[in-house]
Amino acid sequence: MARHEDRAEHDAARTEVLERCGYRVLRFDNEVVLADPGGVAEAIGAALRLRA
C-alpha cells in the first residue's frame, strides 16, 4: 500500500496536470464525504457558482 507521502506527491502531480488542462480540482477525504455528504455537495455547488 502506498505511503501517505507518496500518495500526496502523486495527487499533487495529478492536480498540476489537470489544472494545466483547465480543470479545477476539489479534494475531499473519504471520511468527510461519508460523514457530511450534504456539506460536500454544497462545496461543489459553491465551486461551480464561482466559475459561472
PDB file of N, CA and C in Angstrom:
ATOM      1  N   MET A   1       0.847  -1.187   0.000  1.00  0.00           N
ATOM      2  CA  MET A   1       0.000   0.000   0.000  1.00  0.00           C
ATOM      3  C   MET A   1       0.888   1.245   0.000  1.00  0.00           C
ATOM      4  N   ALA A   2       0.438   2.263  -0.699  1.00  0.00           N
ATOM      5  CA  ALA A   2       1.234   3.493  -0.818  1.00  0.00           C
ATOM      6  C   ALA A   2       1.257   4.254   0.503  1.00  0.00           C
ATOM      7  N   ARG A   3       2.407   4.819   0.780  1.00  0.00           N
ATOM      8  CA  ARG A   3       2.528   5.658   1.966  1.00  0.00           C
ATOM      9  C   ARG A   3       1.821   6.980   1.719  1.00  0.00           C
ATOM     10  N   HIS A   4       1.451   7.635   2.813  1.00  0.00           N
ATOM     11  CA  HIS A   4       0.740   8.906   2.715  1.00  0.00           C
ATOM     12  C   HIS A   4       1.547   9.923   1.913  1.00  0.00           C
ATOM     13  N   GLU A   5       2.847  10.004   2.162  1.00  0.00           N
ATOM     14  CA  GLU A   5       3.680  10.975   1.455  1.00  0.00           C
ATOM     15  C   GLU A   5       3.690  10.696  -0.048  1.00  0.00           C
ATOM     16  N   ASP A   6       3.772   9.417  -0.408  1.00  0.00           N
ATOM     17  CA  ASP A   6       3.767   9.048  -1.821  1.00  0.00           C
ATOM     18  C   ASP A   6       2.438   9.428  -2.469  1.00  0.00           C
ATOM     19  N   ARG A   7       1.358   9.163  -1.771  1.00  0.00           N
ATOM     20  CA  ARG A   7       0.029   9.485  -2.300  1.00  0.00           C
ATOM     21  C   ARG A   7      -0.118  10.990  -2.450  1.00  0.00           C
ATOM     22  N   ALA A   8       0.345  11.750  -1.465  1.00  0.00           N
ATOM     23  CA  ALA A   8       0.246  13.208  -1.529  1.00  0.00           C
ATOM     24  C   ALA A   8       1.026  13.751  -2.722  1.00  0.00           C
ATOM     25  N   GLU A   9       2.216  13.223  -2.953  1.00  0.00           N
ATOM     26  CA  GLU A   9       3.010  13.657  -4.104  1.00  0.00           C
ATOM     27  C   GLU A   9       2.311  13.299  -5.411  1.00  0.00           C
ATOM     28  N   HIS A  10       1.772  12.102  -5.476  1.00  0.00           N
ATOM     29  CA  HIS A  10       1.059  11.658  -6.678  1.00  0.00           C
ATOM     30  C   HIS A  10      -0.157  12.550  -6.927  1.00  0.00           C
ATOM     31  N   ASP A  11      -0.933  12.834  -5.872  1.00  0.00           N
ATOM     32  CA  ASP A  11      -2.106  13.691  -6.007  1.00  0.00           C
ATOM     33  C   ASP A  11      -1.711  15.090  -6.461  1.00  0.00           C
ATOM     34  N   ALA A  12      -0.630  15.629  -5.906  1.00  0.00           N
ATOM     35  CA  ALA A  12      -0.176  16.969  -6.281  1.00  0.00           C
ATOM     36  C   ALA A  12       0.218  17.015  -7.755  1.00  0.00           C
ATOM     37  N   ALA A  13       0.920  15.992  -8.217  1.00  0.00           N
ATOM     38  CA  ALA A  13       1.325  15.935  -9.623  1.00  0.00           C
ATOM     39  C   ALA A  13       0.105  15.815 -10.530  1.00  0.00           C
ATOM     40  N   ARG A  14      -0.832  14.995 -10.138  1.00  0.00           N
ATOM     41  CA  ARG A  14      -2.053  14.817 -10.939  1.00  0.00           C
ATOM     42  C   ARG A  14      -2.861  16.110 -10.969  1.00  0.00           C
ATOM     43  N   THR A  15      -2.956  16.786  -9.828  1.00  0.00           N
ATOM     44  CA  THR A  15      -3.666  18.056  -9.767  1.00  0.00           C
ATOM     45  C   THR A  15      -3.024  19.084 -10.686  1.00  0.00           C
ATOM     46  N   GLU A  16      -1.708  19.141 -10.683  1.00  0.00           N
ATOM     47  CA  GLU A  16      -0.997  20.092 -11.543  1.00  0.00           C
ATOM     48  C   GLU A  16      -1.324  19.858 -13.011  1.00  0.00           C
ATOM     49  N   VAL A  17      -1.327  18.604 -13.430  1.00  0.00           N
ATOM     50  CA  VAL A  17      -1.636  18.278 -14.825  1.00  0.00           C
ATOM     51  C   VAL A  17      -3.073  18.683 -15.155  1.00  0.00           C
ATOM     52  N   LEU A  18      -4.003  18.343 -14.294  1.00  0.00           N
ATOM     53  CA  LEU A  18      -5.404  18.678 -14.548  1.00  0.00           C
ATOM     54  C   LEU A  18      -5.629  20.183 -14.597  1.00  0.00           C
ATOM     55  N   GLU A  19      -4.987  20.917 -13.696  1.00  0.00           N
ATOM     56  CA  GLU A  19      -5.136  22.373 -13.683  1.00  0.00           C
ATOM     57  C   GLU A  19      -4.532  23.007 -14.934  1.00  0.00           C
ATOM     58  N   ARG A  20      -3.436  22.460 -15.424  1.00  0.00           N
ATOM     59  CA  ARG A  20      -2.855  22.966 -16.679  1.00  0.00           C
ATOM     60  C   ARG A  20      -3.805  22.752 -17.853  1.00  0.00           C
ATOM     61  N   CYS A  21      -4.653  21.741 -17.743  1.00  0.00           N
ATOM     62  CA  CYS A  21      -5.642  21.453 -18.783  1.00  0.00           C
ATOM     63  C   CYS A  21      -6.929  22.261 -18.590  1.00  0.00           C
ATOM     64  N   GLY A  22      -6.956  23.112 -17.568  1.00  0.00           N
ATOM     65  CA  GLY A  22      -8.109  23.975 -17.355  1.00  0.00           C
ATOM     66  C   GLY A  22      -9.127  23.482 -16.345  1.00  0.00           C
ATOM     67  N   TYR A  23      -8.841  22.385 -15.668  1.00  0.00           N
ATOM     68  CA  TYR A  23      -9.764  21.855 -14.670  1.00  0.00           C
ATOM     69  C   TYR A  23      -9.458  22.438 -13.294  1.00  0.00           C
ATOM     70  N   ARG A  24     -10.482  22.538 -12.478  1.00  0.00           N
ATOM     71  CA  ARG A  24     -10.297  22.898 -11.075  1.00  0.00           C
ATOM     72  C   ARG A  24     -10.506  21.621 -10.281  1.00  0.00           C
ATOM     73  N   VAL A  25      -9.579  21.322  -9.400  1.00  0.00           N
ATOM     74  CA  VAL A  25      -9.622  20.075  -8.642  1.00  0.00           C
ATOM     75  C   VAL A  25     -10.090  20.357  -7.220  1.00  0.00           C
ATOM     76  N   LEU A  26     -11.108  19.631  -6.805  1.00  0.00           N
ATOM     77  CA  LEU A  26     -11.579  19.669  -5.426  1.00  0.00           C
ATOM     78  C   LEU A  26     -11.293  18.308  -4.821  1.00  0.00           C
ATOM     79  N   ARG A  27     -10.745  18.289  -3.640  1.00  0.00           N
ATOM     80  CA  ARG A  27     -10.446  17.015  -2.981  1.00  0.00           C
ATOM     81  C   ARG A  27     -11.151  16.973  -1.637  1.00  0.00           C
ATOM     82  N   PHE A  28     -11.718  15.818  -1.359  1.00  0.00           N
ATOM     83  CA  PHE A  28     -12.399  15.586  -0.094  1.00  0.00           C
ATOM     84  C   PHE A  28     -11.939  14.242   0.456  1.00  0.00           C
ATOM     85  N   ASP A  29     -11.644  14.207   1.733  1.00  0.00           N
ATOM     86  CA  ASP A  29     -11.314  12.938   2.380  1.00  0.00           C
ATOM     87  C   ASP A  29     -12.551  12.048   2.385  1.00  0.00           C
ATOM     88  N   ASN A  30     -12.337  10.762   2.269  1.00  0.00           N
ATOM     89  CA  ASN A  30     -13.453   9.820   2.297  1.00  0.00           C
ATOM     90  C   ASN A  30     -14.309   9.992   3.547  1.00  0.00           C
ATOM     91  N   GLU A  31     -13.659  10.239   4.663  1.00  0.00           N
ATOM     92  CA  GLU A  31     -14.388  10.385   5.920  1.00  0.00           C
ATOM     93  C   GLU A  31     -15.348  11.563   5.864  1.00  0.00           C
ATOM     94  N   VAL A  32     -14.923  12.654   5.226  1.00  0.00           N
ATOM     95  CA  VAL A  32     -15.779  13.839   5.103  1.00  0.00           C
ATOM     96  C   VAL A  32     -16.962  13.525   4.185  1.00  0.00           C
ATOM     97  N   VAL A  33     -16.702  12.852   3.086  1.00  0.00           N
ATOM     98  CA  VAL A  33     -17.771  12.500   2.153  1.00  0.00           C
ATOM     99  C   VAL A  33     -18.811  11.631   2.851  1.00  0.00           C
ATOM    100  N   LEU A  34     -18.354  10.673   3.632  1.00  0.00           N
ATOM    101  CA  LEU A  34     -19.285   9.770   4.319  1.00  0.00           C
ATOM    102  C   LEU A  34     -20.010  10.454   5.472  1.00  0.00           C
ATOM    103  N   ALA A  35     -19.309  11.320   6.190  1.00  0.00           N
ATOM    104  CA  ALA A  35     -19.898  11.956   7.373  1.00  0.00           C
ATOM    105  C   ALA A  35     -20.783  13.145   7.014  1.00  0.00           C
ATOM    106  N   ASP A  36     -20.457  13.848   5.922  1.00  0.00           N
ATOM    107  CA  ASP A  36     -21.175  15.078   5.590  1.00  0.00           C
ATOM    108  C   ASP A  36     -21.353  15.218   4.080  1.00  0.00           C
ATOM    109  N   PRO A  37     -22.115  14.299   3.467  1.00  0.00           N
ATOM    110  CA  PRO A  37     -22.277  14.384   2.017  1.00  0.00           C
ATOM    111  C   PRO A  37     -22.957  15.681   1.575  1.00  0.00           C
ATOM    112  N   GLY A  38     -23.847  16.200   2.400  1.00  0.00           N
ATOM    113  CA  GLY A  38     -24.501  17.461   2.056  1.00  0.00           C
ATOM    114  C   GLY A  38     -23.512  18.613   2.027  1.00  0.00           C
ATOM    115  N   GLY A  39     -22.598  18.624   2.979  1.00  0.00           N
ATOM    116  CA  GLY A  39     -21.574  19.662   3.009  1.00  0.00           C
ATOM    117  C   GLY A  39     -20.656  19.579   1.804  1.00  0.00           C
ATOM    118  N   VAL A  40     -20.344  18.359   1.398  1.00  0.00           N
ATOM    119  CA  VAL A  40     -19.513  18.167   0.206  1.00  0.00           C
ATOM    120  C   VAL A  40     -20.257  18.670  -1.026  1.00  0.00           C
ATOM    121  N   ALA A  41     -21.540  18.336  -1.118  1.00  0.00           N
ATOM    122  CA  ALA A  41     -22.342  18.808  -2.249  1.00  0.00           C
ATOM    123  C   ALA A  41     -22.399  20.332  -2.277  1.00  0.00           C
ATOM    124  N   GLU A  42     -22.539  20.947  -1.112  1.00  0.00           N
ATOM    125  CA  GLU A  42     -22.559  22.410  -1.039  1.00  0.00           C
ATOM    126  C   GLU A  42     -21.221  22.998  -1.496  1.00  0.00           C
ATOM    127  N   ALA A  43     -20.129  22.378  -1.088  1.00  0.00           N
ATOM    128  CA  ALA A  43     -18.809  22.861  -1.503  1.00  0.00           C
ATOM    129  C   ALA A  43     -18.635  22.755  -3.009  1.00  0.00           C
ATOM    130  N   ILE A  44     -19.112  21.679  -3.591  1.00  0.00           N
ATOM    131  CA  ILE A  44     -19.036  21.508  -5.042  1.00  0.00           C
ATOM    132  C   ILE A  44     -19.907  22.559  -5.733  1.00  0.00           C
ATOM    133  N   GLY A  45     -21.115  22.763  -5.220  1.00  0.00           N
ATOM    134  CA  GLY A  45     -22.004  23.776  -5.785  1.00  0.00           C
ATOM    135  C   GLY A  45     -21.387  25.166  -5.713  1.00  0.00           C
ATOM    136  N   ALA A  46     -20.768  25.497  -4.582  1.00  0.00           N
ATOM    137  CA  ALA A  46     -20.124  26.797  -4.422  1.00  0.00           C
ATOM    138  C   ALA A  46     -18.991  26.961  -5.435  1.00  0.00           C
ATOM    139  N   ALA A  47     -18.217  25.907  -5.641  1.00  0.00           N
ATOM    140  CA  ALA A  47     -17.121  25.964  -6.614  1.00  0.00           C
ATOM    141  C   ALA A  47     -17.661  26.164  -8.019  1.00  0.00           C
ATOM    142  N   LEU A  48     -18.771  25.533  -8.332  1.00  0.00           N
ATOM    143  CA  LEU A  48     -19.371  25.704  -9.654  1.00  0.00           C
ATOM    144  C   LEU A  48     -19.920  27.112  -9.840  1.00  0.00           C
ATOM    145  N   ARG A  49     -20.508  27.673  -8.796  1.00  0.00           N
ATOM    146  CA  ARG A  49     -21.039  29.043  -8.895  1.00  0.00           C
ATOM    147  C   ARG A  49     -19.910  30.041  -9.101  1.00  0.00           C
ATOM    148  N   LEU A  50     -18.750  29.790  -8.529  1.00  0.00           N
ATOM    149  CA  LEU A  50     -17.609  30.689  -8.714  1.00  0.00           C
ATOM    150  C   LEU A  50     -17.156  30.719 -10.171  1.00  0.00           C
ATOM    151  N   ARG A  51     -17.331  29.613 -10.868  1.00  0.00           N
ATOM    152  CA  ARG A  51     -16.902  29.512 -12.266  1.00  0.00           C
ATOM    153  C   ARG A  51     -17.924  30.105 -13.231  1.00  0.00           C
ATOM    154  N   ALA A  52     -19.147  30.280 -12.782  1.00  0.00           N
ATOM    155  CA  ALA A  52     -20.225  30.752 -13.681  1.00  0.00           C
ATOM    156  C   ALA A  52     -20.165  32.238 -13.898  1.00  0.00           C
TER     157      ALA A  52
END
